[in-house]
Amino acid sequence: MLQDAQIIRFYQRLTDALNEQWHRGYRFDELRLYLDGYLAALRHTNVVEPYLVHQLEEEATRYLYDPSSFVEPQPEPEVDFY
């Protein structure tokens, strides 16, 4: 569970970007490459502590492989009342 405010913001930006890319037609292999690049950039810049980047990686990977993360909501069927 993420507790650091800055890491939570990174997580939100990352998951929003993953969802946006999913809706544009990218698939899991490409999303995984995006995630790896994002994490590599965080590690390279030393913006946050390495253990926080590791926590972010675990949570983001869990999000990426969760089947419910990228499911399109189904429209509710209209019920006709006669």
PDB file of N, CA and C in Angstrom:
ATOM      1  N   MET A   1       0.846  -1.176   0.000  1.00  0.00           N
ATOM      2  CA  MET A   1       0.000   0.000   0.000  1.00  0.00           C
ATOM      3  C   MET A   1       0.891   1.238   0.000  1.00  0.00           C
ATOM      4  N   LEU A   2       0.574   2.133  -0.894  1.00  0.00           N
ATOM      5  CA  LEU A   2       1.363   3.355  -1.009  1.00  0.00           C
ATOM      6  C   LEU A   2       0.939   4.358   0.054  1.00  0.00           C
ATOM      7  N   GLN A   3       1.927   5.002   0.674  1.00  0.00           N
ATOM      8  CA  GLN A   3       1.633   5.953   1.744  1.00  0.00           C
ATOM      9  C   GLN A   3       2.207   7.330   1.461  1.00  0.00           C
ATOM     10  N   ASP A   4       3.269   7.414   0.681  1.00  0.00           N
ATOM     11  CA  ASP A   4       3.910   8.678   0.391  1.00  0.00           C
ATOM     12  C   ASP A   4       3.065   9.462  -0.615  1.00  0.00           C
ATOM     13  N   ALA A   5       2.811  10.740  -0.340  1.00  0.00           N
ATOM     14  CA  ALA A   5       1.934  11.544  -1.187  1.00  0.00           C
ATOM     15  C   ALA A   5       2.484  11.683  -2.608  1.00  0.00           C
ATOM     16  N   GLN A   6       3.779  11.877  -2.738  1.00  0.00           N
ATOM     17  CA  GLN A   6       4.368  12.045  -4.061  1.00  0.00           C
ATOM     18  C   GLN A   6       4.260  10.752  -4.878  1.00  0.00           C
ATOM     19  N   ILE A   7       4.492   9.626  -4.249  1.00  0.00           N
ATOM     20  CA  ILE A   7       4.388   8.335  -4.933  1.00  0.00           C
ATOM     21  C   ILE A   7       2.936   8.061  -5.326  1.00  0.00           C
ATOM     22  N   ILE A   8       1.994   8.452  -4.497  1.00  0.00           N
ATOM     23  CA  ILE A   8       0.579   8.277  -4.837  1.00  0.00           C
ATOM     24  C   ILE A   8       0.236   9.099  -6.076  1.00  0.00           C
ATOM     25  N   ARG A   9       0.762  10.319  -6.180  1.00  0.00           N
ATOM     26  CA  ARG A   9       0.528  11.132  -7.372  1.00  0.00           C
ATOM     27  C   ARG A   9       1.149  10.483  -8.606  1.00  0.00           C
ATOM     28  N   PHE A  10       2.364   9.936  -8.462  1.00  0.00           N
ATOM     29  CA  PHE A  10       2.989   9.230  -9.578  1.00  0.00           C
ATOM     30  C   PHE A  10       2.137   8.028  -9.989  1.00  0.00           C
ATOM     31  N   TYR A  11       1.620   7.305  -9.013  1.00  0.00           N
ATOM     32  CA  TYR A  11       0.780   6.140  -9.291  1.00  0.00           C
ATOM     33  C   TYR A  11      -0.479   6.550 -10.056  1.00  0.00           C
ATOM     34  N   GLN A  12      -1.112   7.636  -9.617  1.00  0.00           N
ATOM     35  CA  GLN A  12      -2.324   8.103 -10.288  1.00  0.00           C
ATOM     36  C   GLN A  12      -2.032   8.527 -11.725  1.00  0.00           C
ATOM     37  N   ARG A  13      -0.943   9.243 -11.923  1.00  0.00           N
ATOM     38  CA  ARG A  13      -0.572   9.653 -13.282  1.00  0.00           C
ATOM     39  C   ARG A  13      -0.276   8.437 -14.154  1.00  0.00           C
ATOM     40  N   LEU A  14       0.428   7.487 -13.581  1.00  0.00           N
ATOM     41  CA  LEU A  14       0.808   6.292 -14.317  1.00  0.00           C
ATOM     42  C   LEU A  14      -0.414   5.469 -14.707  1.00  0.00           C
ATOM     43  N   THR A  15      -1.312   5.228 -13.782  1.00  0.00           N
ATOM     44  CA  THR A  15      -2.492   4.416 -14.093  1.00  0.00           C
ATOM     45  C   THR A  15      -3.421   5.150 -15.056  1.00  0.00           C
ATOM     46  N   ASP A  16      -3.516   6.465 -14.934  1.00  0.00           N
ATOM     47  CA  ASP A  16      -4.311   7.230 -15.899  1.00  0.00           C
ATOM     48  C   ASP A  16      -3.710   7.108 -17.301  1.00  0.00           C
ATOM     49  N   ALA A  17      -2.397   7.187 -17.398  1.00  0.00           N
ATOM     50  CA  ALA A  17      -1.728   7.064 -18.692  1.00  0.00           C
ATOM     51  C   ALA A  17      -1.902   5.655 -19.260  1.00  0.00           C
ATOM     52  N   LEU A  18      -1.831   4.647 -18.418  1.00  0.00           N
ATOM     53  CA  LEU A  18      -2.028   3.269 -18.881  1.00  0.00           C
ATOM     54  C   LEU A  18      -3.441   3.079 -19.427  1.00  0.00           C
ATOM     55  N   ASN A  19      -4.424   3.622 -18.727  1.00  0.00           N
ATOM     56  CA  ASN A  19      -5.806   3.524 -19.207  1.00  0.00           C
ATOM     57  C   ASN A  19      -6.000   4.269 -20.517  1.00  0.00           C
ATOM     58  N   GLU A  20      -5.425   5.440 -20.621  1.00  0.00           N
ATOM     59  CA  GLU A  20      -5.545   6.223 -21.846  1.00  0.00           C
ATOM     60  C   GLU A  20      -4.927   5.475 -23.030  1.00  0.00           C
ATOM     61  N   GLN A  21      -3.762   4.901 -22.802  1.00  0.00           N
ATOM     62  CA  GLN A  21      -3.111   4.156 -23.873  1.00  0.00           C
ATOM     63  C   GLN A  21      -3.896   2.902 -24.233  1.00  0.00           C
ATOM     64  N   TRP A  22      -4.491   2.258 -23.242  1.00  0.00           N
ATOM     65  CA  TRP A  22      -5.313   1.074 -23.509  1.00  0.00           C
ATOM     66  C   TRP A  22      -6.478   1.445 -24.428  1.00  0.00           C
ATOM     67  N   HIS A  23      -7.114   2.570 -24.151  1.00  0.00           N
ATOM     68  CA  HIS A  23      -8.253   2.994 -24.959  1.00  0.00           C
ATOM     69  C   HIS A  23      -7.827   3.459 -26.351  1.00  0.00           C
ATOM     70  N   ARG A  24      -6.586   3.799 -26.521  1.00  0.00           N
ATOM     71  CA  ARG A  24      -6.062   4.168 -27.846  1.00  0.00           C
ATOM     72  C   ARG A  24      -5.682   2.939 -28.673  1.00  0.00           C
ATOM     73  N   GLY A  25      -5.691   1.766 -28.058  1.00  0.00           N
ATOM     74  CA  GLY A  25      -5.421   0.547 -28.806  1.00  0.00           C
ATOM     75  C   GLY A  25      -4.125  -0.153 -28.448  1.00  0.00           C
ATOM     76  N   TYR A  26      -3.365   0.389 -27.524  1.00  0.00           N
ATOM     77  CA  TYR A  26      -2.151  -0.298 -27.094  1.00  0.00           C
ATOM     78  C   TYR A  26      -2.532  -1.510 -26.271  1.00  0.00           C
ATOM     79  N   ARG A  27      -1.674  -2.527 -26.272  1.00  0.00           N
ATOM     80  CA  ARG A  27      -1.963  -3.740 -25.525  1.00  0.00           C
ATOM     81  C   ARG A  27      -0.908  -3.978 -24.451  1.00  0.00           C
ATOM     82  N   PHE A  28      -1.030  -5.102 -23.754  1.00  0.00           N
ATOM     83  CA  PHE A  28      -0.255  -5.330 -22.536  1.00  0.00           C
ATOM     84  C   PHE A  28       1.248  -5.257 -22.737  1.00  0.00           C
ATOM     85  N   ASP A  29       1.757  -5.780 -23.834  1.00  0.00           N
ATOM     86  CA  ASP A  29       3.206  -5.712 -24.056  1.00  0.00           C
ATOM     87  C   ASP A  29       3.683  -4.271 -24.135  1.00  0.00           C
ATOM     88  N   GLU A  30       2.927  -3.448 -24.833  1.00  0.00           N
ATOM     89  CA  GLU A  30       3.294  -2.044 -24.971  1.00  0.00           C
ATOM     90  C   GLU A  30       3.102  -1.281 -23.667  1.00  0.00           C
ATOM     91  N   LEU A  31       2.054  -1.633 -22.933  1.00  0.00           N
ATOM     92  CA  LEU A  31       1.834  -0.989 -21.634  1.00  0.00           C
ATOM     93  C   LEU A  31       2.942  -1.351 -20.650  1.00  0.00           C
ATOM     94  N   ARG A  32       3.403  -2.587 -20.716  1.00  0.00           N
ATOM     95  CA  ARG A  32       4.497  -3.017 -19.842  1.00  0.00           C
ATOM     96  C   ARG A  32       5.781  -2.260 -20.178  1.00  0.00           C
ATOM     97  N   LEU A  33       6.033  -2.036 -21.466  1.00  0.00           N
ATOM     98  CA  LEU A  33       7.198  -1.246 -21.864  1.00  0.00           C
ATOM     99  C   LEU A  33       7.089   0.188 -21.354  1.00  0.00           C
ATOM    100  N   TYR A  34       5.888   0.749 -21.424  1.00  0.00           N
ATOM    101  CA  TYR A  34       5.671   2.103 -20.904  1.00  0.00           C
ATOM    102  C   TYR A  34       5.945   2.152 -19.406  1.00  0.00           C
ATOM    103  N   LEU A  35       5.425   1.171 -18.689  1.00  0.00           N
ATOM    104  CA  LEU A  35       5.640   1.092 -17.245  1.00  0.00           C
ATOM    105  C   LEU A  35       7.121   0.965 -16.917  1.00  0.00           C
ATOM    106  N   ASP A  36       7.819   0.112 -17.633  1.00  0.00           N
ATOM    107  CA  ASP A  36       9.253  -0.063 -17.398  1.00  0.00           C
ATOM    108  C   ASP A  36      10.019   1.233 -17.657  1.00  0.00           C
ATOM    109  N   GLY A  37       9.662   1.946 -18.716  1.00  0.00           N
ATOM    110  CA  GLY A  37      10.325   3.211 -19.014  1.00  0.00           C
ATOM    111  C   GLY A  37      10.038   4.270 -17.965  1.00  0.00           C
ATOM    112  N   TYR A  38       8.815   4.324 -17.496  1.00  0.00           N
ATOM    113  CA  TYR A  38       8.420   5.287 -16.461  1.00  0.00           C
ATOM    114  C   TYR A  38       9.221   5.046 -15.177  1.00  0.00           C
ATOM    115  N   LEU A  39       9.301   3.790 -14.788  1.00  0.00           N
ATOM    116  CA  LEU A  39      10.042   3.445 -13.573  1.00  0.00           C
ATOM    117  C   LEU A  39      11.537   3.690 -13.743  1.00  0.00           C
ATOM    118  N   ALA A  40      12.069   3.389 -14.916  1.00  0.00           N
ATOM    119  CA  ALA A  40      13.485   3.634 -15.177  1.00  0.00           C
ATOM    120  C   ALA A  40      13.795   5.125 -15.091  1.00  0.00           C
ATOM    121  N   ALA A  41      12.892   5.951 -15.595  1.00  0.00           N
ATOM    122  CA  ALA A  41      13.088   7.397 -15.523  1.00  0.00           C
ATOM    123  C   ALA A  41      13.072   7.865 -14.072  1.00  0.00           C
ATOM    124  N   LEU A  42      12.176   7.326 -13.261  1.00  0.00           N
ATOM    125  CA  LEU A  42      12.145   7.700 -11.842  1.00  0.00           C
ATOM    126  C   LEU A  42      13.430   7.281 -11.132  1.00  0.00           C
ATOM    127  N   ARG A  43      13.918   6.090 -11.455  1.00  0.00           N
ATOM    128  CA  ARG A  43      15.160   5.632 -10.829  1.00  0.00           C
ATOM    129  C   ARG A  43      16.346   6.475 -11.274  1.00  0.00           C
ATOM    130  N   HIS A  44      16.371   6.833 -12.534  1.00  0.00           N
ATOM    131  CA  HIS A  44      17.502   7.582 -13.088  1.00  0.00           C
ATOM    132  C   HIS A  44      17.576   9.006 -12.538  1.00  0.00           C
ATOM    133  N   THR A  45      16.442   9.624 -12.326  1.00  0.00           N
ATOM    134  CA  THR A  45      16.430  11.016 -11.874  1.00  0.00           C
ATOM    135  C   THR A  45      16.619  11.153 -10.367  1.00  0.00           C
ATOM    136  N   ASN A  46      16.486  10.068  -9.622  1.00  0.00           N
ATOM    137  CA  ASN A  46      16.608  10.097  -8.161  1.00  0.00           C
ATOM    138  C   ASN A  46      15.654  11.101  -7.520  1.00  0.00           C
ATOM    139  N   VAL A  47      14.453  11.214  -8.065  1.00  0.00           N
ATOM    140  CA  VAL A  47      13.447  12.116  -7.528  1.00  0.00           C
ATOM    141  C   VAL A  47      12.917  11.589  -6.196  1.00  0.00           C
ATOM    142  N   VAL A  48      12.761  10.284  -6.112  1.00  0.00           N
ATOM    143  CA  VAL A  48      12.258   9.655  -4.891  1.00  0.00           C
ATOM    144  C   VAL A  48      13.200   8.531  -4.486  1.00  0.00           C
ATOM    145  N   GLU A  49      13.036   8.076  -3.277  1.00  0.00           N
ATOM    146  CA  GLU A  49      13.876   7.002  -2.739  1.00  0.00           C
ATOM    147  C   GLU A  49      13.639   5.699  -3.514  1.00  0.00           C
ATOM    148  N   PRO A  50      14.692   4.903  -3.678  1.00  0.00           N
ATOM    149  CA  PRO A  50      14.544   3.654  -4.438  1.00  0.00           C
ATOM    150  C   PRO A  50      13.495   2.696  -3.872  1.00  0.00           C
ATOM    151  N   TYR A  51      13.345   2.639  -2.554  1.00  0.00           N
ATOM    152  CA  TYR A  51      12.356   1.720  -1.996  1.00  0.00           C
ATOM    153  C   TYR A  51      10.939   2.176  -2.346  1.00  0.00           C
ATOM    154  N   LEU A  52      10.723   3.486  -2.507  1.00  0.00           N
ATOM    155  CA  LEU A  52       9.413   3.979  -2.911  1.00  0.00           C
ATOM    156  C   LEU A  52       9.137   3.655  -4.385  1.00  0.00           C
ATOM    157  N   VAL A  53      10.173   3.729  -5.209  1.00  0.00           N
ATOM    158  CA  VAL A  53      10.015   3.343  -6.618  1.00  0.00           C
ATOM    159  C   VAL A  53       9.674   1.855  -6.698  1.00  0.00           C
ATOM    160  N   HIS A  54      10.277   1.056  -5.844  1.00  0.00           N
ATOM    161  CA  HIS A  54       9.985  -0.378  -5.821  1.00  0.00           C
ATOM    162  C   HIS A  54       8.524  -0.614  -5.416  1.00  0.00           C
ATOM    163  N   GLN A  55       8.040   0.124  -4.420  1.00  0.00           N
ATOM    164  CA  GLN A  55       6.639   0.000  -4.021  1.00  0.00           C
ATOM    165  C   GLN A  55       5.708   0.402  -5.164  1.00  0.00           C
ATOM    166  N   LEU A  56       6.073   1.492  -5.846  1.00  0.00           N
ATOM    167  CA  LEU A  56       5.282   1.942  -6.992  1.00  0.00           C
ATOM    168  C   LEU A  56       5.263   0.867  -8.077  1.00  0.00           C
ATOM    169  N   GLU A  57       6.403   0.241  -8.320  1.00  0.00           N
ATOM    170  CA  GLU A  57       6.479  -0.811  -9.327  1.00  0.00           C
ATOM    171  C   GLU A  57       5.565  -1.977  -8.978  1.00  0.00           C
ATOM    172  N   GLU A  58       5.559  -2.379  -7.718  1.00  0.00           N
ATOM    173  CA  GLU A  58       4.708  -3.493  -7.303  1.00  0.00           C
ATOM    174  C   GLU A  58       3.233  -3.167  -7.491  1.00  0.00           C
ATOM    175  N   GLU A  59       2.832  -1.965  -7.063  1.00  0.00           N
ATOM    176  CA  GLU A  59       1.427  -1.579  -7.169  1.00  0.00           C
ATOM    177  C   GLU A  59       1.004  -1.392  -8.627  1.00  0.00           C
ATOM    178  N   ALA A  60       1.854  -0.781  -9.423  1.00  0.00           N
ATOM    179  CA  ALA A  60       1.522  -0.549 -10.828  1.00  0.00           C
ATOM    180  C   ALA A  60       1.466  -1.865 -11.603  1.00  0.00           C
ATOM    181  N   THR A  61       2.353  -2.786 -11.291  1.00  0.00           N
ATOM    182  CA  THR A  61       2.325  -4.104 -11.941  1.00  0.00           C
ATOM    183  C   THR A  61       1.067  -4.852 -11.555  1.00  0.00           C
ATOM    184  N   ARG A  62       0.693  -4.753 -10.296  1.00  0.00           N
ATOM    185  CA  ARG A  62      -0.544  -5.387  -9.841  1.00  0.00           C
ATOM    186  C   ARG A  62      -1.740  -4.791 -10.595  1.00  0.00           C
ATOM    187  N   TYR A  63      -1.728  -3.478 -10.759  1.00  0.00           N
ATOM    188  CA  TYR A  63      -2.805  -2.802 -11.499  1.00  0.00           C
ATOM    189  C   TYR A  63      -2.827  -3.260 -12.962  1.00  0.00           C
ATOM    190  N   LEU A  64      -1.662  -3.329 -13.569  1.00  0.00           N
ATOM    191  CA  LEU A  64      -1.568  -3.690 -14.984  1.00  0.00           C
ATOM    192  C   LEU A  64      -2.107  -5.091 -15.248  1.00  0.00           C
ATOM    193  N   TYR A  65      -1.843  -6.030 -14.365  1.00  0.00           N
ATOM    194  CA  TYR A  65      -2.251  -7.410 -14.586  1.00  0.00           C
ATOM    195  C   TYR A  65      -3.595  -7.760 -13.954  1.00  0.00           C
ATOM    196  N   ASP A  66      -4.253  -6.787 -13.336  1.00  0.00           N
ATOM    197  CA  ASP A  66      -5.586  -7.012 -12.795  1.00  0.00           C
ATOM    198  C   ASP A  66      -6.586  -6.969 -13.953  1.00  0.00           C
ATOM    199  N   PRO A  67      -7.330  -8.038 -14.190  1.00  0.00           N
ATOM    200  CA  PRO A  67      -8.237  -8.061 -15.337  1.00  0.00           C
ATOM    201  C   PRO A  67      -9.326  -6.989 -15.289  1.00  0.00           C
ATOM    202  N   SER A  68      -9.672  -6.526 -14.110  1.00  0.00           N
ATOM    203  CA  SER A  68     -10.748  -5.545 -14.014  1.00  0.00           C
ATOM    204  C   SER A  68     -10.279  -4.119 -14.285  1.00  0.00           C
ATOM    205  N   SER A  69      -8.997  -3.903 -14.468  1.00  0.00           N
ATOM    206  CA  SER A  69      -8.488  -2.551 -14.667  1.00  0.00           C
ATOM    207  C   SER A  69      -8.838  -1.968 -16.031  1.00  0.00           C
ATOM    208  N   PHE A  70      -8.960  -2.803 -17.038  1.00  0.00           N
ATOM    209  CA  PHE A  70      -9.145  -2.320 -18.397  1.00  0.00           C
ATOM    210  C   PHE A  70     -10.434  -2.801 -19.040  1.00  0.00           C
ATOM    211  N   VAL A  71     -11.400  -3.159 -18.247  1.00  0.00           N
ATOM    212  CA  VAL A  71     -12.672  -3.641 -18.769  1.00  0.00           C
ATOM    213  C   VAL A  71     -13.560  -2.443 -19.092  1.00  0.00           C
ATOM    214  N   GLU A  72     -14.121  -2.467 -20.285  1.00  0.00           N
ATOM    215  CA  GLU A  72     -15.047  -1.413 -20.680  1.00  0.00           C
ATOM    216  C   GLU A  72     -16.359  -1.593 -19.916  1.00  0.00           C
ATOM    217  N   PRO A  73     -16.905  -0.523 -19.376  1.00  0.00           N
ATOM    218  CA  PRO A  73     -18.207  -0.675 -18.727  1.00  0.00           C
ATOM    219  C   PRO A  73     -19.288  -0.975 -19.766  1.00  0.00           C
ATOM    220  N   GLN A  74     -20.115  -1.930 -19.458  1.00  0.00           N
ATOM    221  CA  GLN A  74     -21.187  -2.321 -20.356  1.00  0.00           C
ATOM    222  C   GLN A  74     -22.408  -1.430 -20.110  1.00  0.00           C
ATOM    223  N   PRO A  75     -23.037  -0.974 -21.166  1.00  0.00           N
ATOM    224  CA  PRO A  75     -24.248  -0.179 -20.956  1.00  0.00           C
ATOM    225  C   PRO A  75     -25.343  -1.032 -20.328  1.00  0.00           C
ATOM    226  N   GLU A  76     -26.088  -0.414 -19.461  1.00  0.00           N
ATOM    227  CA  GLU A  76     -27.173  -1.152 -18.821  1.00  0.00           C
ATOM    228  C   GLU A  76     -28.310  -1.339 -19.818  1.00  0.00           C
ATOM    229  N   PRO A  77     -28.860  -2.529 -19.855  1.00  0.00           N
ATOM    230  CA  PRO A  77     -29.961  -2.758 -20.787  1.00  0.00           C
ATOM    231  C   PRO A  77     -31.185  -1.932 -20.388  1.00  0.00           C
ATOM    232  N   GLU A  78     -31.866  -1.421 -21.401  1.00  0.00           N
ATOM    233  CA  GLU A  78     -33.074  -0.654 -21.125  1.00  0.00           C
ATOM    234  C   GLU A  78     -34.235  -1.621 -20.938  1.00  0.00           C
ATOM    235  N   VAL A  79     -34.968  -1.380 -19.913  1.00  0.00           N
ATOM    236  CA  VAL A  79     -36.132  -2.236 -19.623  1.00  0.00           C
ATOM    237  C   VAL A  79     -37.371  -1.479 -20.053  1.00  0.00           C
ATOM    238  N   ASP A  80     -38.120  -2.095 -20.903  1.00  0.00           N
ATOM    239  CA  ASP A  80     -39.359  -1.481 -21.369  1.00  0.00           C
ATOM    240  C   ASP A  80     -40.492  -1.887 -20.444  1.00  0.00           C
ATOM    241  N   PHE A  81     -41.225  -0.908 -19.984  1.00  0.00           N
ATOM    242  CA  PHE A  81     -42.379  -1.178 -19.144  1.00  0.00           C
ATOM    243  C   PHE A  81     -43.627  -0.889 -19.958  1.00  0.00           C
ATOM    244  N   TYR A  82     -44.448  -1.887 -20.139  1.00  0.00           N
ATOM    245  CA  TYR A  82     -45.690  -1.718 -20.898  1.00  0.00           C
ATOM    246  C   TYR A  82     -46.857  -1.939 -19.992  1.00  0.00           C
TER     247      TYR A  82
END
